[in-house]
All heavy atoms as atom14 arrays in JSON, in Angstrom:
{
  "sequence": "AKPRLLLLDEPSMGLAPMLVEQILDTVRRLKQTGLTVLLVEQNAR",
  "atom14_mask": [
    [1, 1, 1, 1, 1, 0, 0, 0, 0, 0, 0, 0, 0, 0],
    [1, 1, 1, 1, 1, 1, 1, 1, 1, 0, 0, 0, 0, 0],
    [1, 1, 1, 1, 1, 1, 1, 0, 0, 0, 0, 0, 0, 0],
    [1, 1, 1, 1, 1, 1, 1, 1, 1, 1, 1, 0, 0, 0],
    [1, 1, 1, 1, 1, 1, 1, 1, 0, 0, 0, 0, 0, 0],
    [1, 1, 1, 1, 1, 1, 1, 1, 0, 0, 0, 0, 0, 0],
    [1, 1, 1, 1, 1, 1, 1, 1, 0, 0, 0, 0, 0, 0],
    [1, 1, 1, 1, 1, 1, 1, 1, 0, 0, 0, 0, 0, 0],
    [1, 1, 1, 1, 1, 1, 1, 1, 0, 0, 0, 0, 0, 0],
    [1, 1, 1, 1, 1, 1, 1, 1, 1, 0, 0, 0, 0, 0],
    [1, 1, 1, 1, 1, 1, 1, 0, 0, 0, 0, 0, 0, 0],
    [1, 1, 1, 1, 1, 1, 0, 0, 0, 0, 0, 0, 0, 0],
    [1, 1, 1, 1, 1, 1, 1, 1, 0, 0, 0, 0, 0, 0],
    [1, 1, 1, 1, 0, 0, 0, 0, 0, 0, 0, 0, 0, 0],
    [1, 1, 1, 1, 1, 1, 1, 1, 0, 0, 0, 0, 0, 0],
    [1, 1, 1, 1, 1, 0, 0, 0, 0, 0, 0, 0, 0, 0],
    [1, 1, 1, 1, 1, 1, 1, 0, 0, 0, 0, 0, 0, 0],
    [1, 1, 1, 1, 1, 1, 1, 1, 0, 0, 0, 0, 0, 0],
    [1, 1, 1, 1, 1, 1, 1, 1, 0, 0, 0, 0, 0, 0],
    [1, 1, 1, 1, 1, 1, 1, 0, 0, 0, 0, 0, 0, 0],
    [1, 1, 1, 1, 1, 1, 1, 1, 1, 0, 0, 0, 0, 0],
    [1, 1, 1, 1, 1, 1, 1, 1, 1, 0, 0, 0, 0, 0],
    [1, 1, 1, 1, 1, 1, 1, 1, 0, 0, 0, 0, 0, 0],
    [1, 1, 1, 1, 1, 1, 1, 1, 0, 0, 0, 0, 0, 0],
    [1, 1, 1, 1, 1, 1, 1, 1, 0, 0, 0, 0, 0, 0],
    [1, 1, 1, 1, 1, 1, 1, 0, 0, 0, 0, 0, 0, 0],
    [1, 1, 1, 1, 1, 1, 1, 0, 0, 0, 0, 0, 0, 0],
    [1, 1, 1, 1, 1, 1, 1, 1, 1, 1, 1, 0, 0, 0],
    [1, 1, 1, 1, 1, 1, 1, 1, 1, 1, 1, 0, 0, 0],
    [1, 1, 1, 1, 1, 1, 1, 1, 0, 0, 0, 0, 0, 0],
    [1, 1, 1, 1, 1, 1, 1, 1, 1, 0, 0, 0, 0, 0],
    [1, 1, 1, 1, 1, 1, 1, 1, 1, 0, 0, 0, 0, 0],
    [1, 1, 1, 1, 1, 1, 1, 0, 0, 0, 0, 0, 0, 0],
    [1, 1, 1, 1, 0, 0, 0, 0, 0, 0, 0, 0, 0, 0],
    [1, 1, 1, 1, 1, 1, 1, 1, 0, 0, 0, 0, 0, 0],
    [1, 1, 1, 1, 1, 1, 1, 0, 0, 0, 0, 0, 0, 0],
    [1, 1, 1, 1, 1, 1, 1, 0, 0, 0, 0, 0, 0, 0],
    [1, 1, 1, 1, 1, 1, 1, 1, 0, 0, 0, 0, 0, 0],
    [1, 1, 1, 1, 1, 1, 1, 1, 0, 0, 0, 0, 0, 0],
    [1, 1, 1, 1, 1, 1, 1, 0, 0, 0, 0, 0, 0, 0],
    [1, 1, 1, 1, 1, 1, 1, 1, 1, 0, 0, 0, 0, 0],
    [1, 1, 1, 1, 1, 1, 1, 1, 1, 0, 0, 0, 0, 0],
    [1, 1, 1, 1, 1, 1, 1, 1, 0, 0, 0, 0, 0, 0],
    [1, 1, 1, 1, 1, 0, 0, 0, 0, 0, 0, 0, 0, 0],
    [1, 1, 1, 1, 1, 1, 1, 1, 1, 1, 1, 0, 0, 0]
  ],
  "atom14_positions": [
    [[5.81, 108.63, 104.14], [5.78, 107.19, 103.93], [5.47, 106.46, 105.23], [5.38, 105.21, 105.2], [7.08, 106.71, 103.36], [0.0, 0.0, 0.0], [0.0, 0.0, 0.0], [0.0, 0.0, 0.0], [0.0, 0.0, 0.0], [0.0, 0.0, 0.0], [0.0, 0.0, 0.0], [0.0, 0.0, 0.0], [0.0, 0.0, 0.0], [0.0, 0.0, 0.0]],
    [[5.37, 107.15, 106.34], [5.13, 106.58, 107.65], [6.19, 105.53, 108.01], [5.89, 104.37, 108.35], [3.73, 105.99, 107.76], [2.63, 107.01, 107.57], [1.24, 106.48, 107.84], [0.99, 106.34, 109.33], [-0.42, 106.0, 109.62], [0.0, 0.0, 0.0], [0.0, 0.0, 0.0], [0.0, 0.0, 0.0], [0.0, 0.0, 0.0], [0.0, 0.0, 0.0]],
    [[7.48, 105.89, 107.94], [8.54, 104.94, 108.23], [8.66, 104.68, 109.74], [8.27, 105.47, 110.58], [9.79, 105.67, 107.72], [9.5, 107.13, 107.93], [8.03, 107.24, 107.65], [0.0, 0.0, 0.0], [0.0, 0.0, 0.0], [0.0, 0.0, 0.0], [0.0, 0.0, 0.0], [0.0, 0.0, 0.0], [0.0, 0.0, 0.0], [0.0, 0.0, 0.0]],
    [[9.27, 103.53, 110.05], [9.7, 103.24, 111.43], [11.21, 103.52, 111.61], [11.66, 103.71, 112.68], [9.36, 101.83, 111.81], [7.85, 101.58, 111.82], [7.5, 100.19, 112.33], [7.99, 99.13, 111.49], [7.45, 98.8, 110.3], [6.46, 99.5, 109.8], [7.98, 97.82, 109.59], [0.0, 0.0, 0.0], [0.0, 0.0, 0.0], [0.0, 0.0, 0.0]],
    [[11.92, 103.49, 110.45], [13.35, 103.79, 110.45], [13.58, 104.91, 109.42], [13.29, 104.76, 108.24], [14.18, 102.57, 110.07], [15.7, 102.81, 109.85], [16.36, 103.28, 111.13], [16.36, 101.56, 109.32], [0.0, 0.0, 0.0], [0.0, 0.0, 0.0], [0.0, 0.0, 0.0], [0.0, 0.0, 0.0], [0.0, 0.0, 0.0], [0.0, 0.0, 0.0]],
    [[14.12, 106.03, 109.89], [14.44, 107.16, 109.01], [15.95, 107.23, 108.84], [16.71, 107.33, 109.81], [13.93, 108.47, 109.64], [14.12, 109.74, 108.76], [13.23, 109.68, 107.52], [13.81, 111.0, 109.6], [0.0, 0.0, 0.0], [0.0, 0.0, 0.0], [0.0, 0.0, 0.0], [0.0, 0.0, 0.0], [0.0, 0.0, 0.0], [0.0, 0.0, 0.0]],
    [[16.43, 107.21, 107.58], [17.82, 107.37, 107.25], [18.04, 108.84, 106.83], [17.52, 109.27, 105.77], [18.19, 106.43, 106.1], [17.81, 104.97, 106.25], [18.16, 104.17, 104.98], [18.48, 104.35, 107.48], [0.0, 0.0, 0.0], [0.0, 0.0, 0.0], [0.0, 0.0, 0.0], [0.0, 0.0, 0.0], [0.0, 0.0, 0.0], [0.0, 0.0, 0.0]],
    [[18.76, 109.57, 107.62], [18.88, 110.99, 107.45], [20.27, 111.36, 107.1], [21.21, 111.21, 107.91], [18.4, 111.69, 108.73], [18.27, 113.21, 108.78], [17.38, 113.71, 107.66], [17.66, 113.63, 110.13], [0.0, 0.0, 0.0], [0.0, 0.0, 0.0], [0.0, 0.0, 0.0], [0.0, 0.0, 0.0], [0.0, 0.0, 0.0], [0.0, 0.0, 0.0]],
    [[20.53, 111.85, 105.86], [21.88, 112.04, 105.34], [22.22, 113.54, 105.26], [21.67, 114.27, 104.44], [21.97, 111.39, 103.92], [23.4, 111.2, 103.47], [24.33, 111.66, 104.21], [23.62, 110.59, 102.45], [0.0, 0.0, 0.0], [0.0, 0.0, 0.0], [0.0, 0.0, 0.0], [0.0, 0.0, 0.0], [0.0, 0.0, 0.0], [0.0, 0.0, 0.0]],
    [[23.17, 113.95, 106.12], [23.69, 115.32, 106.13], [22.61, 116.41, 106.13], [22.58, 117.27, 105.29], [24.61, 115.53, 104.91], [25.83, 114.62, 104.85], [26.91, 114.97, 105.83], [26.66, 115.83, 106.68], [27.97, 114.34, 105.76], [0.0, 0.0, 0.0], [0.0, 0.0, 0.0], [0.0, 0.0, 0.0], [0.0, 0.0, 0.0], [0.0, 0.0, 0.0]],
    [[21.75, 116.4, 107.16], [20.69, 117.42, 107.21], [21.17, 118.83, 107.38], [20.43, 119.77, 107.07], [19.81, 116.96, 108.39], [20.75, 116.21, 109.25], [21.7, 115.47, 108.31], [0.0, 0.0, 0.0], [0.0, 0.0, 0.0], [0.0, 0.0, 0.0], [0.0, 0.0, 0.0], [0.0, 0.0, 0.0], [0.0, 0.0, 0.0], [0.0, 0.0, 0.0]],
    [[22.37, 119.01, 107.9], [22.86, 120.38, 108.17], [23.63, 120.97, 106.99], [24.05, 122.15, 107.03], [23.76, 120.39, 109.41], [25.04, 119.86, 109.13], [0.0, 0.0, 0.0], [0.0, 0.0, 0.0], [0.0, 0.0, 0.0], [0.0, 0.0, 0.0], [0.0, 0.0, 0.0], [0.0, 0.0, 0.0], [0.0, 0.0, 0.0], [0.0, 0.0, 0.0]],
    [[23.82, 120.21, 105.92], [24.7, 120.66, 104.84], [24.2, 121.98, 104.24], [23.1, 122.13, 103.76], [24.72, 119.59, 103.73], [25.6, 119.98, 102.53], [25.57, 118.72, 101.21], [26.5, 117.43, 102.03], [0.0, 0.0, 0.0], [0.0, 0.0, 0.0], [0.0, 0.0, 0.0], [0.0, 0.0, 0.0], [0.0, 0.0, 0.0], [0.0, 0.0, 0.0]],
    [[25.08, 122.98, 104.28], [24.81, 124.27, 103.66], [23.84, 125.16, 104.4], [23.41, 126.19, 103.88], [0.0, 0.0, 0.0], [0.0, 0.0, 0.0], [0.0, 0.0, 0.0], [0.0, 0.0, 0.0], [0.0, 0.0, 0.0], [0.0, 0.0, 0.0], [0.0, 0.0, 0.0], [0.0, 0.0, 0.0], [0.0, 0.0, 0.0], [0.0, 0.0, 0.0]],
    [[23.49, 124.8, 105.66], [22.49, 125.6, 106.39], [23.14, 126.47, 107.45], [24.24, 126.14, 108.01], [21.51, 124.67, 107.1], [20.69, 123.7, 106.17], [19.67, 122.94, 107.0], [20.03, 124.45, 105.03], [0.0, 0.0, 0.0], [0.0, 0.0, 0.0], [0.0, 0.0, 0.0], [0.0, 0.0, 0.0], [0.0, 0.0, 0.0], [0.0, 0.0, 0.0]],
    [[22.52, 127.58, 107.76], [22.96, 128.45, 108.81], [22.82, 127.76, 110.16], [21.95, 126.89, 110.33], [22.15, 129.75, 108.81], [0.0, 0.0, 0.0], [0.0, 0.0, 0.0], [0.0, 0.0, 0.0], [0.0, 0.0, 0.0], [0.0, 0.0, 0.0], [0.0, 0.0, 0.0], [0.0, 0.0, 0.0], [0.0, 0.0, 0.0], [0.0, 0.0, 0.0]],
    [[23.67, 128.12, 111.16], [23.64, 127.45, 112.45], [22.24, 127.42, 113.08], [21.86, 126.42, 113.71], [24.63, 128.23, 113.29], [25.6, 128.77, 112.28], [24.79, 129.06, 111.08], [0.0, 0.0, 0.0], [0.0, 0.0, 0.0], [0.0, 0.0, 0.0], [0.0, 0.0, 0.0], [0.0, 0.0, 0.0], [0.0, 0.0, 0.0], [0.0, 0.0, 0.0]],
    [[21.48, 128.51, 112.94], [20.15, 128.57, 113.54], [19.22, 127.51, 112.94], [18.48, 126.82, 113.63], [19.53, 129.93, 113.38], [18.17, 130.11, 114.05], [17.46, 131.77, 113.79], [18.74, 132.78, 114.55], [0.0, 0.0, 0.0], [0.0, 0.0, 0.0], [0.0, 0.0, 0.0], [0.0, 0.0, 0.0], [0.0, 0.0, 0.0], [0.0, 0.0, 0.0]],
    [[19.32, 127.33, 111.62], [18.51, 126.3, 110.94], [18.97, 124.9, 111.29], [18.17, 123.99, 111.42], [18.55, 126.53, 109.44], [17.7, 127.64, 108.92], [17.94, 127.84, 107.42], [16.2, 127.35, 109.12], [0.0, 0.0, 0.0], [0.0, 0.0, 0.0], [0.0, 0.0, 0.0], [0.0, 0.0, 0.0], [0.0, 0.0, 0.0], [0.0, 0.0, 0.0]],
    [[20.27, 124.72, 111.47], [20.81, 123.43, 111.86], [20.2, 123.01, 113.2], [19.73, 121.88, 113.39], [22.32, 123.46, 111.99], [22.87, 122.14, 112.58], [22.95, 123.69, 110.6], [0.0, 0.0, 0.0], [0.0, 0.0, 0.0], [0.0, 0.0, 0.0], [0.0, 0.0, 0.0], [0.0, 0.0, 0.0], [0.0, 0.0, 0.0], [0.0, 0.0, 0.0]],
    [[20.19, 123.92, 114.14], [19.61, 123.63, 115.46], [18.15, 123.31, 115.36], [17.62, 122.38, 116.04], [19.84, 124.81, 116.41], [19.28, 124.58, 117.82], [19.84, 123.34, 118.48], [21.01, 123.02, 118.29], [19.05, 122.68, 119.2], [0.0, 0.0, 0.0], [0.0, 0.0, 0.0], [0.0, 0.0, 0.0], [0.0, 0.0, 0.0], [0.0, 0.0, 0.0]],
    [[17.44, 124.02, 114.46], [15.98, 123.77, 114.29], [15.74, 122.35, 113.72], [14.88, 121.63, 114.16], [15.38, 124.82, 113.38], [13.87, 124.67, 113.19], [13.33, 125.75, 112.31], [13.98, 126.73, 111.97], [12.07, 125.61, 111.87], [0.0, 0.0, 0.0], [0.0, 0.0, 0.0], [0.0, 0.0, 0.0], [0.0, 0.0, 0.0], [0.0, 0.0, 0.0]],
    [[16.58, 121.98, 112.71], [16.44, 120.65, 112.11], [16.72, 119.56, 113.14], [15.99, 118.55, 113.25], [17.35, 120.5, 110.93], [16.93, 121.47, 109.77], [17.38, 119.07, 110.4], [15.61, 121.16, 109.15], [0.0, 0.0, 0.0], [0.0, 0.0, 0.0], [0.0, 0.0, 0.0], [0.0, 0.0, 0.0], [0.0, 0.0, 0.0], [0.0, 0.0, 0.0]],
    [[17.8, 119.7, 113.93], [18.18, 118.68, 114.88], [17.2, 118.63, 116.05], [16.96, 117.58, 116.6], [19.61, 118.95, 115.4], [20.69, 118.76, 114.35], [22.05, 119.07, 114.89], [20.66, 117.35, 113.76], [0.0, 0.0, 0.0], [0.0, 0.0, 0.0], [0.0, 0.0, 0.0], [0.0, 0.0, 0.0], [0.0, 0.0, 0.0], [0.0, 0.0, 0.0]],
    [[16.59, 119.78, 116.38], [15.54, 119.78, 117.42], [14.3, 118.97, 116.91], [13.65, 118.26, 117.64], [15.12, 121.17, 117.74], [14.09, 121.22, 118.86], [14.39, 120.74, 119.94], [12.95, 121.73, 118.61], [0.0, 0.0, 0.0], [0.0, 0.0, 0.0], [0.0, 0.0, 0.0], [0.0, 0.0, 0.0], [0.0, 0.0, 0.0], [0.0, 0.0, 0.0]],
    [[14.05, 119.08, 115.62], [12.99, 118.25, 115.03], [13.29, 116.8, 115.11], [12.4, 115.96, 115.38], [12.78, 118.67, 113.54], [12.42, 120.06, 113.49], [11.67, 117.85, 112.89], [0.0, 0.0, 0.0], [0.0, 0.0, 0.0], [0.0, 0.0, 0.0], [0.0, 0.0, 0.0], [0.0, 0.0, 0.0], [0.0, 0.0, 0.0], [0.0, 0.0, 0.0]],
    [[14.56, 116.45, 114.89], [14.96, 115.02, 115.03], [14.69, 114.55, 116.43], [14.2, 113.42, 116.67], [16.44, 114.85, 114.65], [16.95, 113.43, 114.95], [16.69, 115.19, 113.19], [0.0, 0.0, 0.0], [0.0, 0.0, 0.0], [0.0, 0.0, 0.0], [0.0, 0.0, 0.0], [0.0, 0.0, 0.0], [0.0, 0.0, 0.0], [0.0, 0.0, 0.0]],
    [[14.97, 115.37, 117.44], [14.74, 114.99, 118.82], [13.23, 114.77, 119.03], [12.83, 113.77, 119.69], [15.17, 116.09, 119.78], [16.68, 116.31, 119.87], [16.99, 117.31, 120.99], [18.38, 117.73, 120.98], [18.8, 118.83, 120.41], [17.96, 119.62, 119.79], [20.07, 119.16, 120.45], [0.0, 0.0, 0.0], [0.0, 0.0, 0.0], [0.0, 0.0, 0.0]],
    [[12.42, 115.63, 118.5], [10.95, 115.5, 118.68], [10.43, 114.25, 117.96], [9.51, 113.61, 118.46], [10.26, 116.75, 118.13], [10.39, 117.96, 119.06], [9.53, 119.1, 118.58], [10.11, 119.76, 117.42], [9.38, 120.35, 116.49], [8.08, 120.37, 116.54], [9.99, 120.97, 115.48], [0.0, 0.0, 0.0], [0.0, 0.0, 0.0], [0.0, 0.0, 0.0]],
    [[11.01, 113.91, 116.78], [10.58, 112.71, 116.09], [10.91, 111.46, 116.92], [10.12, 110.48, 116.9], [11.29, 112.65, 114.74], [10.79, 113.71, 113.72], [11.67, 113.66, 112.46], [9.35, 113.47, 113.33], [0.0, 0.0, 0.0], [0.0, 0.0, 0.0], [0.0, 0.0, 0.0], [0.0, 0.0, 0.0], [0.0, 0.0, 0.0], [0.0, 0.0, 0.0]],
    [[12.06, 111.47, 117.6], [12.38, 110.34, 118.43], [11.31, 110.13, 119.53], [10.95, 109.0, 119.87], [13.75, 110.52, 119.08], [14.15, 109.33, 119.98], [15.37, 109.62, 120.8], [15.6, 108.45, 121.73], [16.75, 108.67, 122.66], [0.0, 0.0, 0.0], [0.0, 0.0, 0.0], [0.0, 0.0, 0.0], [0.0, 0.0, 0.0], [0.0, 0.0, 0.0]],
    [[10.81, 111.23, 120.05], [9.78, 111.14, 121.08], [8.51, 110.47, 120.59], [7.73, 109.99, 121.4], [9.5, 112.53, 121.68], [10.67, 113.15, 122.43], [10.45, 114.59, 122.81], [9.42, 115.18, 122.51], [11.41, 115.17, 123.48], [0.0, 0.0, 0.0], [0.0, 0.0, 0.0], [0.0, 0.0, 0.0], [0.0, 0.0, 0.0], [0.0, 0.0, 0.0]],
    [[8.28, 110.48, 119.29], [7.11, 109.8, 118.72], [7.38, 108.31, 118.51], [6.47, 107.61, 118.07], [6.72, 110.44, 117.4], [7.72, 110.14, 116.4], [6.58, 111.94, 117.49], [0.0, 0.0, 0.0], [0.0, 0.0, 0.0], [0.0, 0.0, 0.0], [0.0, 0.0, 0.0], [0.0, 0.0, 0.0], [0.0, 0.0, 0.0], [0.0, 0.0, 0.0]],
    [[8.59, 107.85, 118.79], [8.92, 106.46, 118.59], [9.71, 106.15, 117.34], [10.04, 105.0, 117.07], [0.0, 0.0, 0.0], [0.0, 0.0, 0.0], [0.0, 0.0, 0.0], [0.0, 0.0, 0.0], [0.0, 0.0, 0.0], [0.0, 0.0, 0.0], [0.0, 0.0, 0.0], [0.0, 0.0, 0.0], [0.0, 0.0, 0.0], [0.0, 0.0, 0.0]],
    [[9.98, 107.16, 116.53], [10.71, 106.96, 115.29], [12.2, 106.62, 115.6], [12.8, 107.22, 116.48], [10.66, 108.2, 114.42], [11.28, 108.12, 113.05], [10.5, 107.13, 112.17], [11.29, 109.52, 112.37], [0.0, 0.0, 0.0], [0.0, 0.0, 0.0], [0.0, 0.0, 0.0], [0.0, 0.0, 0.0], [0.0, 0.0, 0.0], [0.0, 0.0, 0.0]],
    [[12.78, 105.69, 114.81], [14.18, 105.34, 114.92], [14.91, 106.07, 113.81], [14.43, 106.1, 112.69], [14.34, 103.82, 114.78], [13.55, 103.13, 115.75], [15.8, 103.4, 114.96], [0.0, 0.0, 0.0], [0.0, 0.0, 0.0], [0.0, 0.0, 0.0], [0.0, 0.0, 0.0], [0.0, 0.0, 0.0], [0.0, 0.0, 0.0], [0.0, 0.0, 0.0]],
    [[16.1, 106.62, 114.15], [16.81, 107.45, 113.19], [18.26, 107.0, 113.08], [18.96, 106.83, 114.09], [16.8, 108.95, 113.57], [17.52, 109.8, 112.53], [15.35, 109.42, 113.72], [0.0, 0.0, 0.0], [0.0, 0.0, 0.0], [0.0, 0.0, 0.0], [0.0, 0.0, 0.0], [0.0, 0.0, 0.0], [0.0, 0.0, 0.0], [0.0, 0.0, 0.0]],
    [[18.74, 106.79, 111.85], [20.16, 106.58, 111.54], [20.63, 107.85, 110.85], [20.21, 108.14, 109.75], [20.39, 105.35, 110.69], [21.84, 105.0, 110.37], [22.68, 104.8, 111.65], [21.89, 103.72, 109.51], [0.0, 0.0, 0.0], [0.0, 0.0, 0.0], [0.0, 0.0, 0.0], [0.0, 0.0, 0.0], [0.0, 0.0, 0.0], [0.0, 0.0, 0.0]],
    [[21.51, 108.59, 111.53], [21.87, 109.96, 111.1], [23.28, 110.0, 110.63], [24.21, 109.64, 111.38], [21.66, 110.89, 112.33], [22.2, 112.33, 112.21], [21.43, 113.13, 111.16], [22.06, 113.03, 113.56], [0.0, 0.0, 0.0], [0.0, 0.0, 0.0], [0.0, 0.0, 0.0], [0.0, 0.0, 0.0], [0.0, 0.0, 0.0], [0.0, 0.0, 0.0]],
    [[23.46, 110.49, 109.4], [24.82, 110.84, 108.89], [24.99, 112.32, 108.99], [24.17, 113.09, 108.51], [24.98, 110.35, 107.43], [26.17, 111.06, 106.76], [25.15, 108.85, 107.37], [0.0, 0.0, 0.0], [0.0, 0.0, 0.0], [0.0, 0.0, 0.0], [0.0, 0.0, 0.0], [0.0, 0.0, 0.0], [0.0, 0.0, 0.0], [0.0, 0.0, 0.0]],
    [[26.09, 112.74, 109.64], [26.24, 114.2, 109.86], [27.73, 114.51, 110.09], [28.37, 113.88, 110.96], [25.43, 114.6, 111.13], [25.54, 116.07, 111.5], [25.21, 117.0, 110.37], [24.02, 117.01, 109.93], [26.09, 117.71, 109.91], [0.0, 0.0, 0.0], [0.0, 0.0, 0.0], [0.0, 0.0, 0.0], [0.0, 0.0, 0.0], [0.0, 0.0, 0.0]],
    [[28.28, 115.45, 109.27], [29.65, 115.81, 109.44], [29.87, 116.67, 110.68], [30.95, 116.74, 111.23], [30.16, 116.59, 108.2], [30.45, 115.66, 107.05], [31.33, 116.33, 105.98], [32.37, 116.85, 106.28], [30.78, 116.38, 104.78], [0.0, 0.0, 0.0], [0.0, 0.0, 0.0], [0.0, 0.0, 0.0], [0.0, 0.0, 0.0], [0.0, 0.0, 0.0]],
    [[28.83, 117.42, 111.07], [28.89, 118.21, 112.31], [28.82, 117.25, 113.48], [27.76, 116.98, 114.03], [27.8, 119.23, 112.33], [27.88, 120.22, 113.51], [28.49, 119.88, 114.53], [27.35, 121.39, 113.32], [0.0, 0.0, 0.0], [0.0, 0.0, 0.0], [0.0, 0.0, 0.0], [0.0, 0.0, 0.0], [0.0, 0.0, 0.0], [0.0, 0.0, 0.0]],
    [[29.97, 116.7, 113.86], [30.03, 115.62, 114.86], [29.44, 116.04, 116.21], [28.75, 115.29, 116.87], [31.46, 115.12, 115.06], [0.0, 0.0, 0.0], [0.0, 0.0, 0.0], [0.0, 0.0, 0.0], [0.0, 0.0, 0.0], [0.0, 0.0, 0.0], [0.0, 0.0, 0.0], [0.0, 0.0, 0.0], [0.0, 0.0, 0.0], [0.0, 0.0, 0.0]],
    [[29.78, 117.25, 116.66], [29.29, 117.72, 117.96], [27.79, 117.79, 117.95], [27.13, 117.35, 118.92], [29.91, 119.08, 118.29], [29.74, 119.44, 119.73], [30.4, 120.79, 120.02], [31.81, 120.79, 119.69], [32.77, 120.37, 120.54], [32.44, 119.85, 121.71], [34.06, 120.39, 120.16], [0.0, 0.0, 0.0], [0.0, 0.0, 0.0], [0.0, 0.0, 0.0]]
  ]
}
């Protein structure tokens, strides 16, 4: 949808730790493109 604000709800839910890191690394890369992210995540750390 080419958003400027991404609302991301519990992306790590039910995923193995390796996949969680991959998803969150993608979030970091998206920020570098200028995307703004509001992230809901129970994995606080």
